[in-house]
Amino acid sequence: MSVGVQRLRDEPDLLRAAASDKGEDASVVDRAIDLDEGRRTLVAEGDALKAERNLSSKRIGEAIRAGADPNGPEVARLKAGPTEVGDRITAIDTELTSLEVELEDAMLRIPNPADADVPVGGEEANVTVRTWGEPLPREERRPHWEIAEDLGLIDNARGAKITGSGWPVYLGAGSNLQRALINWFLDVHTREHGMTEVWPPALVNADSARGTGQIPDKEDQMYVATRDDLYLIPTAEVPVTNLHRDEILEASSLPIRYAAYSPSFRREAGAAGRDTRGILRVHQFDKVEMVSFTRPADSEAELEWLTERAEVLLQRLGLAYRVLLMATREMGFVQARKYDIEVWAPGVERWLEVSSVSNFRDYQARRMAIRHRSESGAKPELVHTLNGSGLALPRTVAALIETHQQPDGSILLPDVLHPAFGGRDRIGP
């Protein structure tokens, strides 16, 4: 379960309002309440019948010890009651099994309530927290797909021939740029930020997808290997967060921080023909993900820390960006609080999301039973989980190309990428 049955009982109005604020169907809360009440009624009836059966068994034993014939009418009469009771107990157990499956499904469909200070609404309610750098004017700047085509960096047409629209092929220096950024992101996160690198599987089972909230909320957005009942990951968050599923962590080990590269797969990319040019919306892309497990008291500070770690990368790449606190309908089903980092791409004159950094509080941890002990022998408590892109490549690459394009058609490389290009400072014709 995600929000916990006790919270369902104690705060139903809050959960209804939270679902509505996120644009979700609040009636699932009422369905869960009805199922929980039905379950409690059956449990109470079953417990009473089991007590009655135990009492009848005791009376049968007493009668036999008092001299009654075990096969006689008196004992037969006493046994008749427990038989009827046993049949009803069996029926209740069957009903409970079915009801608990329905309750579990309903609970998984209740979204994580947003933090109390998160603005309610859609895109118009997002709040700009801070900005860095000066967004360059459009002027003579060309969109990234024109530059990439001239320099032979990206081939969307051949990618479409191989697989379909939204599956680009990176070539030559374009491929080198992808690899250079991935390596540099991981090096900064591991060597400077102290994260442990993970190279996770690109497919996960249903339990893993359910644990982080991809199902039952986002099945339609995921590619499925149906023969093996496996899902291609939409982000490394899914396998990495599941590293500690069903584990009890020692508080002294927290926070646990991971950085992981993975290819990511999204079915909905490029929906309705939007952003079909270039690499702004694609079905497969590369991303380095940051994942953190913390004590509940530390998760607010951890969210700020993770956000700043993503910002460091953009600053060193010389890309202007802004950090937004996302409103309830913009933050997703499982997040309690989310920052989006958007980079300015002057060639298309747009802010492009390159990172989302989220605090899930105990929502994911409850699904995955990830707990910690505050001290030796203490009762296990749920951890808080967080993650953030550090960074997603396609839009970072698009902004880098458009920001650092030169009048001669070349792309000036940020200093941090020179080593990956053999000391060269630009990608040229």
Protein backbone atom coordinates (compact mmCIF):
# COMPACT_ATOMS: atom_id res chain seq x y z
CA MET A 1 0.00 0.00 0.00
CA SER A 2 1.06 3.61 -0.47
CA VAL A 3 -0.56 6.01 1.98
CA GLY A 4 -1.27 3.47 4.71
CA VAL A 5 -4.63 2.15 5.96
CA GLN A 6 -4.40 4.11 9.21
CA ARG A 7 -4.07 7.38 7.29
CA LEU A 8 -7.04 6.36 5.15
CA ARG A 9 -9.10 5.98 8.32
CA ASP A 10 -7.79 9.11 10.05
CA GLU A 11 -7.56 11.58 7.15
CA PRO A 12 -10.05 10.67 4.40
CA ASP A 13 -10.92 14.30 3.65
CA LEU A 14 -7.25 15.21 3.23
CA LEU A 15 -6.73 12.29 0.83
CA ARG A 16 -9.82 13.24 -1.21
CA ALA A 17 -8.66 16.84 -1.49
CA ALA A 18 -5.10 15.77 -2.32
CA ALA A 19 -6.33 13.54 -5.14
CA SER A 20 -8.54 16.30 -6.52
CA ASP A 21 -5.68 18.82 -6.31
CA LYS A 22 -3.57 16.50 -8.49
CA GLY A 23 -6.37 16.04 -11.02
CA GLU A 24 -6.94 12.44 -9.97
CA ASP A 25 -10.23 10.66 -9.29
CA ALA A 26 -10.98 11.24 -5.60
CA SER A 27 -13.68 8.53 -5.60
CA VAL A 28 -10.94 5.92 -5.21
CA VAL A 29 -10.59 7.11 -1.61
CA ASP A 30 -14.26 6.32 -0.93
CA ARG A 31 -13.89 2.95 -2.63
CA ALA A 32 -10.91 2.15 -0.42
CA ILE A 33 -12.83 3.25 2.70
CA ASP A 34 -15.76 0.99 1.78
CA LEU A 35 -13.44 -1.94 1.16
CA ASP A 36 -11.61 -1.33 4.44
CA GLU A 37 -14.87 -1.16 6.36
CA GLY A 38 -16.08 -4.34 4.69
CA ARG A 39 -12.82 -6.03 5.53
CA ARG A 40 -13.00 -4.96 9.19
CA THR A 41 -16.60 -6.22 9.42
CA LEU A 42 -15.62 -9.61 8.06
CA VAL A 43 -12.58 -9.84 10.34
CA ALA A 44 -14.74 -9.04 13.37
CA GLU A 45 -17.33 -11.64 12.34
CA GLY A 46 -14.62 -14.22 11.71
CA ASP A 47 -12.95 -13.55 15.06
CA ALA A 48 -16.29 -13.90 16.86
CA LEU A 49 -17.06 -17.17 15.08
CA LYS A 50 -13.61 -18.55 15.84
CA ALA A 51 -14.14 -17.70 19.51
CA GLU A 52 -17.53 -19.43 19.36
CA ARG A 53 -15.96 -22.48 17.73
CA ASN A 54 -13.28 -22.63 20.40
CA LEU A 55 -15.94 -22.41 23.11
CA SER A 56 -17.96 -25.22 21.50
CA SER A 57 -14.84 -27.39 21.30
CA LYS A 58 -14.24 -26.74 24.96
CA ARG A 59 -17.82 -27.78 25.80
CA ILE A 60 -17.48 -30.97 23.77
CA GLY A 61 -14.31 -31.84 25.69
CA GLU A 62 -15.99 -31.12 29.01
CA ALA A 63 -19.00 -33.28 28.08
CA ILE A 64 -16.79 -36.20 27.10
CA ARG A 65 -14.74 -35.86 30.28
CA ALA A 66 -18.01 -35.83 32.26
CA GLY A 67 -18.88 -39.22 30.78
CA ALA A 68 -20.85 -38.42 27.62
CA ASP A 69 -20.59 -40.94 24.78
CA PRO A 70 -18.27 -39.42 22.07
CA ASN A 71 -20.58 -40.94 19.44
CA GLY A 72 -23.79 -40.22 21.27
CA PRO A 73 -26.55 -37.67 20.59
CA GLU A 74 -25.36 -35.11 23.18
CA VAL A 75 -21.89 -34.79 21.63
CA ALA A 76 -23.40 -34.88 18.10
CA ARG A 77 -25.62 -31.93 19.02
CA LEU A 78 -22.64 -30.00 20.36
CA LYS A 79 -20.62 -30.78 17.22
CA ALA A 80 -23.37 -29.55 14.87
CA GLY A 81 -22.79 -25.94 15.87
CA PRO A 82 -19.02 -25.90 15.20
CA THR A 83 -19.58 -27.51 11.77
CA GLU A 84 -21.89 -24.69 10.69
CA VAL A 85 -19.56 -22.13 12.21
CA GLY A 86 -16.56 -23.68 10.42
CA ASP A 87 -18.32 -23.46 7.07
CA ARG A 88 -18.99 -19.76 7.63
CA ILE A 89 -15.38 -19.16 8.74
CA THR A 90 -14.15 -20.79 5.51
CA ALA A 91 -16.50 -18.57 3.47
CA ILE A 92 -15.28 -15.48 5.34
CA ASP A 93 -11.65 -16.36 4.69
CA THR A 94 -12.41 -16.66 0.96
CA GLU A 95 -14.23 -13.31 0.97
CA LEU A 96 -11.37 -11.68 2.88
CA THR A 97 -8.78 -12.86 0.38
CA SER A 98 -10.75 -11.31 -2.49
CA LEU A 99 -11.49 -8.14 -0.54
CA GLU A 100 -7.87 -7.61 0.45
CA VAL A 101 -6.78 -7.84 -3.20
CA GLU A 102 -9.35 -5.18 -4.11
CA LEU A 103 -8.31 -2.99 -1.17
CA GLU A 104 -4.64 -3.27 -2.13
CA ASP A 105 -5.47 -2.20 -5.69
CA ALA A 106 -7.57 0.74 -4.49
CA MET A 107 -4.86 1.90 -2.09
CA LEU A 108 -2.26 1.83 -4.87
CA ARG A 109 -4.47 4.22 -6.86
CA ILE A 110 -4.57 6.90 -4.15
CA PRO A 111 -1.96 9.55 -5.06
CA ASN A 112 0.66 10.80 -2.64
CA PRO A 113 -0.64 14.06 -1.08
CA ALA A 114 1.43 17.10 -1.98
CA ASP A 115 3.18 19.00 0.80
CA ALA A 116 0.92 21.61 2.38
CA ASP A 117 2.81 24.57 0.87
CA VAL A 118 2.82 23.26 -2.71
CA PRO A 119 0.74 25.60 -4.92
CA VAL A 120 -2.56 24.12 -6.09
CA GLY A 121 -3.22 24.22 -9.82
CA GLY A 122 -1.64 23.58 -13.19
CA GLU A 123 1.28 25.09 -15.09
CA GLU A 124 0.12 28.62 -14.32
CA ALA A 125 0.61 27.99 -10.59
CA ASN A 126 4.26 26.86 -10.81
CA VAL A 127 6.60 29.08 -8.82
CA THR A 128 10.06 30.16 -10.00
CA VAL A 129 12.39 29.55 -7.05
CA ARG A 130 15.60 30.91 -8.62
CA THR A 131 17.37 31.46 -11.91
CA TRP A 132 20.99 31.27 -13.07
CA GLY A 133 22.59 32.89 -16.10
CA GLU A 134 21.14 35.16 -18.75
CA PRO A 135 18.85 33.59 -21.37
CA LEU A 136 20.35 34.41 -24.77
CA PRO A 137 18.14 36.12 -27.36
CA ARG A 138 17.10 34.28 -30.51
CA GLU A 139 18.84 36.66 -32.94
CA GLU A 140 20.77 34.59 -35.51
CA ARG A 141 20.62 31.36 -33.52
CA ARG A 142 19.44 28.25 -35.31
CA PRO A 143 17.54 25.32 -33.80
CA HIS A 144 19.65 22.36 -32.73
CA TRP A 145 18.35 20.01 -35.44
CA GLU A 146 19.67 22.24 -38.23
CA ILE A 147 23.12 22.47 -36.65
CA ALA A 148 23.19 18.75 -35.80
CA GLU A 149 22.28 17.85 -39.38
CA ASP A 150 24.96 20.13 -40.86
CA LEU A 151 27.60 18.63 -38.57
CA GLY A 152 26.41 15.04 -38.97
CA LEU A 153 25.69 14.61 -35.25
CA ILE A 154 22.15 13.22 -35.26
CA ASP A 155 20.21 11.31 -37.90
CA ASN A 156 16.48 11.21 -37.17
CA ALA A 157 15.55 9.93 -40.63
CA ARG A 158 17.67 6.78 -40.36
CA GLY A 159 16.49 6.27 -36.80
CA ALA A 160 12.91 6.34 -38.08
CA LYS A 161 13.85 3.81 -40.77
CA ILE A 162 15.40 1.49 -38.19
CA THR A 163 12.73 1.75 -35.51
CA GLY A 164 10.27 4.61 -35.97
CA SER A 165 9.74 8.29 -35.31
CA GLY A 166 11.30 9.45 -32.06
CA TRP A 167 14.25 7.03 -32.11
CA PRO A 168 17.27 9.15 -33.14
CA VAL A 169 20.68 7.83 -34.13
CA TYR A 170 23.75 9.71 -32.83
CA LEU A 171 26.77 9.69 -35.11
CA GLY A 172 30.44 10.68 -34.88
CA ALA A 173 30.93 13.67 -32.62
CA GLY A 174 27.25 13.46 -31.66
CA SER A 175 27.81 10.01 -30.23
CA ASN A 176 31.03 11.22 -28.59
CA LEU A 177 29.10 14.10 -26.98
CA GLN A 178 26.58 11.67 -25.48
CA ARG A 179 29.31 9.48 -24.03
CA ALA A 180 31.31 12.47 -22.78
CA LEU A 181 28.34 13.94 -20.92
CA ILE A 182 27.37 10.62 -19.33
CA ASN A 183 30.91 9.99 -18.11
CA TRP A 184 31.35 13.53 -16.85
CA PHE A 185 28.01 13.54 -15.00
CA LEU A 186 28.90 10.26 -13.28
CA ASP A 187 32.41 11.45 -12.43
CA VAL A 188 31.11 14.63 -10.78
CA HIS A 189 28.44 12.78 -8.80
CA THR A 190 30.76 10.03 -7.59
CA ARG A 191 34.05 11.90 -7.10
CA GLU A 192 32.73 15.23 -5.87
CA HIS A 193 29.29 14.47 -4.47
CA GLY A 194 30.16 11.14 -2.86
CA MET A 195 27.49 9.06 -4.58
CA THR A 196 27.89 5.35 -5.27
CA GLU A 197 27.68 4.50 -8.96
CA VAL A 198 25.17 1.87 -10.08
CA TRP A 199 24.82 0.26 -13.49
CA PRO A 200 21.27 -1.16 -13.28
CA PRO A 201 19.24 -3.50 -15.50
CA ALA A 202 17.21 -1.81 -18.23
CA LEU A 203 14.22 -4.08 -17.59
CA VAL A 204 12.36 -4.62 -14.32
CA ASN A 205 9.65 -6.95 -13.08
CA ALA A 206 6.15 -5.90 -12.06
CA ASP A 207 7.01 -5.72 -8.35
CA SER A 208 9.74 -3.18 -9.08
CA ALA A 209 7.50 -1.09 -11.33
CA ARG A 210 4.76 -1.19 -8.70
CA GLY A 211 7.15 -0.24 -5.93
CA THR A 212 8.13 3.12 -7.41
CA GLY A 213 4.61 3.91 -8.63
CA GLN A 214 4.93 3.25 -12.35
CA ILE A 215 2.07 0.77 -12.07
CA PRO A 216 -0.85 0.90 -11.76
CA ASP A 217 -0.52 4.62 -12.64
CA LYS A 218 1.69 4.69 -15.74
CA GLU A 219 1.32 1.33 -17.51
CA ASP A 220 0.38 3.00 -20.78
CA GLN A 221 3.62 5.00 -20.79
CA MET A 222 5.89 1.95 -20.49
CA TYR A 223 7.15 -0.55 -23.04
CA VAL A 224 6.40 -4.12 -21.98
CA ALA A 225 8.27 -7.32 -22.84
CA THR A 226 5.03 -9.30 -22.64
CA ARG A 227 6.52 -12.79 -23.04
CA ASP A 228 8.54 -12.36 -19.85
CA ASP A 229 6.27 -9.88 -18.05
CA LEU A 230 9.07 -7.32 -17.82
CA TYR A 231 9.03 -3.55 -18.31
CA LEU A 232 11.63 -1.36 -20.04
CA ILE A 233 12.58 1.27 -17.51
CA PRO A 234 11.41 4.88 -17.97
CA THR A 235 14.23 6.00 -15.66
CA ALA A 236 16.97 4.43 -13.54
CA GLU A 237 14.92 5.51 -10.52
CA VAL A 238 12.93 2.28 -10.85
CA PRO A 239 15.69 -0.34 -10.56
CA VAL A 240 17.90 1.73 -8.24
CA THR A 241 15.17 2.51 -5.68
CA ASN A 242 14.27 -1.17 -5.66
CA LEU A 243 17.82 -2.08 -4.61
CA HIS A 244 16.66 -1.90 -0.99
CA ARG A 245 13.13 -3.28 -1.35
CA ASP A 246 12.15 -5.41 1.67
CA GLU A 247 15.25 -4.34 3.60
CA ILE A 248 15.84 -2.76 7.00
CA LEU A 249 18.68 -0.23 6.86
CA GLU A 250 20.76 0.99 9.75
CA ALA A 251 20.32 4.71 10.45
CA SER A 252 24.10 5.10 10.53
CA SER A 253 24.19 4.19 6.83
CA LEU A 254 21.82 7.01 5.85
CA PRO A 255 21.72 8.90 3.63
CA ILE A 256 22.47 6.34 0.96
CA ARG A 257 23.08 8.13 -2.33
CA TYR A 258 23.37 6.55 -5.75
CA ALA A 259 24.15 7.84 -9.24
CA ALA A 260 23.15 5.63 -12.14
CA TYR A 261 23.32 5.88 -15.92
CA SER A 262 20.69 4.09 -17.97
CA PRO A 263 18.89 4.27 -21.26
CA SER A 264 15.29 5.31 -20.62
CA PHE A 265 12.18 4.39 -22.59
CA ARG A 266 8.91 6.33 -22.83
CA ARG A 267 6.00 5.28 -25.05
CA GLU A 268 4.18 8.62 -24.87
CA ALA A 269 7.06 10.72 -26.22
CA GLY A 270 6.15 12.80 -29.25
CA ALA A 271 2.43 12.29 -28.66
CA ALA A 272 0.00 14.07 -30.97
CA GLY A 273 2.84 15.14 -33.27
CA ARG A 274 4.31 17.63 -30.82
CA ASP A 275 8.05 18.42 -30.97
CA THR A 276 8.68 15.87 -33.71
CA ARG A 277 11.72 17.75 -35.00
CA GLY A 278 15.04 17.38 -33.26
CA ILE A 279 15.46 15.51 -29.98
CA LEU A 280 13.08 17.29 -27.61
CA ARG A 281 10.62 14.38 -27.37
CA VAL A 282 12.00 10.92 -28.06
CA HIS A 283 11.13 7.37 -27.07
CA GLN A 284 14.65 6.35 -26.00
CA PHE A 285 17.09 8.67 -24.30
CA ASP A 286 20.08 8.61 -21.98
CA LYS A 287 19.95 9.91 -18.43
CA VAL A 288 21.99 9.92 -15.26
CA GLU A 289 19.75 9.57 -12.21
CA MET A 290 20.41 10.46 -8.57
CA VAL A 291 18.58 8.38 -5.91
CA SER A 292 18.66 8.95 -2.16
CA PHE A 293 17.37 7.11 0.93
CA THR A 294 17.20 9.27 4.06
CA ARG A 295 15.79 9.56 7.54
CA PRO A 296 12.40 11.31 7.44
CA ALA A 297 13.72 14.29 9.40
CA ASP A 298 16.40 14.87 6.74
CA SER A 299 14.43 14.55 3.52
CA GLU A 300 13.57 18.24 3.08
CA ALA A 301 17.24 19.22 3.26
CA GLU A 302 18.12 16.26 1.01
CA LEU A 303 15.76 17.54 -1.69
CA GLU A 304 17.56 20.89 -1.71
CA TRP A 305 20.95 19.17 -1.78
CA LEU A 306 20.03 16.97 -4.75
CA THR A 307 18.64 19.94 -6.66
CA GLU A 308 21.87 21.85 -6.16
CA ARG A 309 23.88 18.86 -7.40
CA ALA A 310 22.00 19.00 -10.71
CA GLU A 311 22.47 22.77 -10.90
CA VAL A 312 26.25 22.40 -10.56
CA LEU A 313 26.33 20.52 -13.86
CA LEU A 314 24.38 23.16 -15.76
CA GLN A 315 26.52 25.95 -14.38
CA ARG A 316 29.71 24.25 -15.56
CA LEU A 317 28.15 23.69 -18.97
CA GLY A 318 27.39 27.41 -19.15
CA LEU A 319 23.64 26.93 -19.65
CA ALA A 320 21.11 29.41 -18.27
CA TYR A 321 18.39 27.72 -16.22
CA ARG A 322 15.55 28.23 -13.76
CA VAL A 323 14.30 26.12 -10.86
CA LEU A 324 10.52 25.76 -10.52
CA LEU A 325 8.46 24.49 -7.59
CA MET A 326 5.83 22.48 -9.41
CA ALA A 327 2.13 22.91 -8.68
CA THR A 328 -0.06 19.95 -7.70
CA ARG A 329 -1.24 19.05 -11.22
CA GLU A 330 2.29 19.34 -12.61
CA MET A 331 4.11 17.19 -10.09
CA GLY A 332 2.90 13.66 -10.76
CA PHE A 333 1.08 10.90 -8.92
CA VAL A 334 3.76 9.81 -6.45
CA GLN A 335 5.63 13.02 -5.57
CA ALA A 336 5.02 15.01 -2.40
CA ARG A 337 7.23 17.86 -3.62
CA LYS A 338 8.98 18.37 -6.93
CA TYR A 339 11.38 20.85 -8.47
CA ASP A 340 11.81 21.04 -12.23
CA ILE A 341 15.03 22.49 -13.60
CA GLU A 342 14.50 24.04 -17.01
CA VAL A 343 17.34 25.14 -19.27
CA TRP A 344 17.04 27.93 -21.83
CA ALA A 345 17.39 26.87 -25.48
CA PRO A 346 17.77 30.05 -27.56
CA GLY A 347 17.40 28.31 -30.94
CA VAL A 348 13.82 27.28 -30.18
CA GLU A 349 13.25 30.11 -27.68
CA ARG A 350 11.97 27.77 -24.99
CA TRP A 351 12.66 26.57 -21.50
CA LEU A 352 13.34 22.83 -21.61
CA GLU A 353 13.06 20.50 -18.64
CA VAL A 354 16.35 18.67 -18.07
CA SER A 355 15.80 17.53 -14.48
CA SER A 356 12.99 16.76 -12.07
CA VAL A 357 14.01 16.39 -8.43
CA SER A 358 11.39 14.84 -6.15
CA ASN A 359 10.72 13.98 -2.53
CA PHE A 360 8.34 11.03 -2.19
CA ARG A 361 8.43 11.05 1.62
CA ASP A 362 7.46 7.49 2.74
CA TYR A 363 5.11 6.79 -0.20
CA GLN A 364 7.48 4.60 -2.21
CA ALA A 365 9.12 3.14 0.89
CA ARG A 366 5.75 1.90 2.14
CA ARG A 367 5.13 0.12 -1.17
CA MET A 368 8.59 -1.46 -1.08
CA ALA A 369 8.87 -2.03 2.69
CA ILE A 370 12.14 -0.08 2.93
CA ARG A 371 12.72 0.71 6.58
CA HIS A 372 15.47 1.79 8.96
CA ARG A 373 16.26 1.43 12.64
CA SER A 374 17.11 4.65 14.44
CA GLU A 375 19.30 2.61 16.77
CA SER A 376 20.10 -1.01 17.49
CA GLY A 377 16.99 -2.87 18.65
CA ALA A 378 14.63 -0.02 17.79
CA LYS A 379 11.36 -0.63 15.94
CA PRO A 380 11.84 -0.30 12.17
CA GLU A 381 10.46 2.86 10.58
CA LEU A 382 9.94 3.78 6.92
CA VAL A 383 12.68 5.74 5.20
CA HIS A 384 12.07 8.63 2.81
CA THR A 385 13.07 8.23 -0.83
CA LEU A 386 14.12 10.96 -3.26
CA ASN A 387 15.46 11.14 -6.78
CA GLY A 388 16.44 13.59 -9.47
CA SER A 389 17.85 13.70 -12.98
CA GLY A 390 21.47 14.58 -13.01
CA LEU A 391 20.96 15.12 -15.95
CA ALA A 392 18.73 13.95 -18.83
CA LEU A 393 20.68 14.21 -22.06
CA PRO A 394 18.47 15.04 -25.06
CA ARG A 395 17.34 18.48 -23.98
CA THR A 396 20.66 19.22 -22.31
CA VAL A 397 22.34 18.46 -25.64
CA ALA A 398 19.80 20.56 -27.56
CA ALA A 399 20.37 23.54 -25.26
CA LEU A 400 24.15 23.08 -25.37
CA ILE A 401 24.17 23.06 -29.18
CA GLU A 402 21.92 26.11 -29.43
CA THR A 403 23.68 28.08 -26.68
CA HIS A 404 27.26 27.44 -27.80
CA GLN A 405 26.80 27.57 -31.59
CA GLN A 406 29.29 29.80 -33.38
CA PRO A 407 28.90 32.01 -36.50
CA ASP A 408 31.05 29.59 -38.52
CA GLY A 409 28.64 26.72 -37.79
CA SER A 410 30.76 25.04 -35.12
CA ILE A 411 29.80 24.33 -31.50
CA LEU A 412 32.09 25.65 -28.77
CA LEU A 413 32.56 23.00 -26.11
CA PRO A 414 32.50 23.85 -22.39
CA ASP A 415 35.91 23.43 -20.75
CA VAL A 416 34.80 20.35 -18.81
CA LEU A 417 34.27 18.42 -22.07
CA HIS A 418 37.61 19.20 -23.72
CA PRO A 419 39.37 16.07 -22.36
CA ALA A 420 36.70 13.80 -23.86
CA PHE A 421 37.37 15.33 -27.28
CA GLY A 422 41.14 14.90 -27.18
CA GLY A 423 41.69 18.47 -26.03
CA ARG A 424 39.65 20.03 -28.84
CA ASP A 425 37.51 23.00 -27.82
CA ARG A 426 34.80 22.70 -30.43
CA ILE A 427 32.82 20.45 -32.75
CA GLY A 428 33.29 21.78 -36.25
CA PRO A 429 32.26 21.06 -39.83
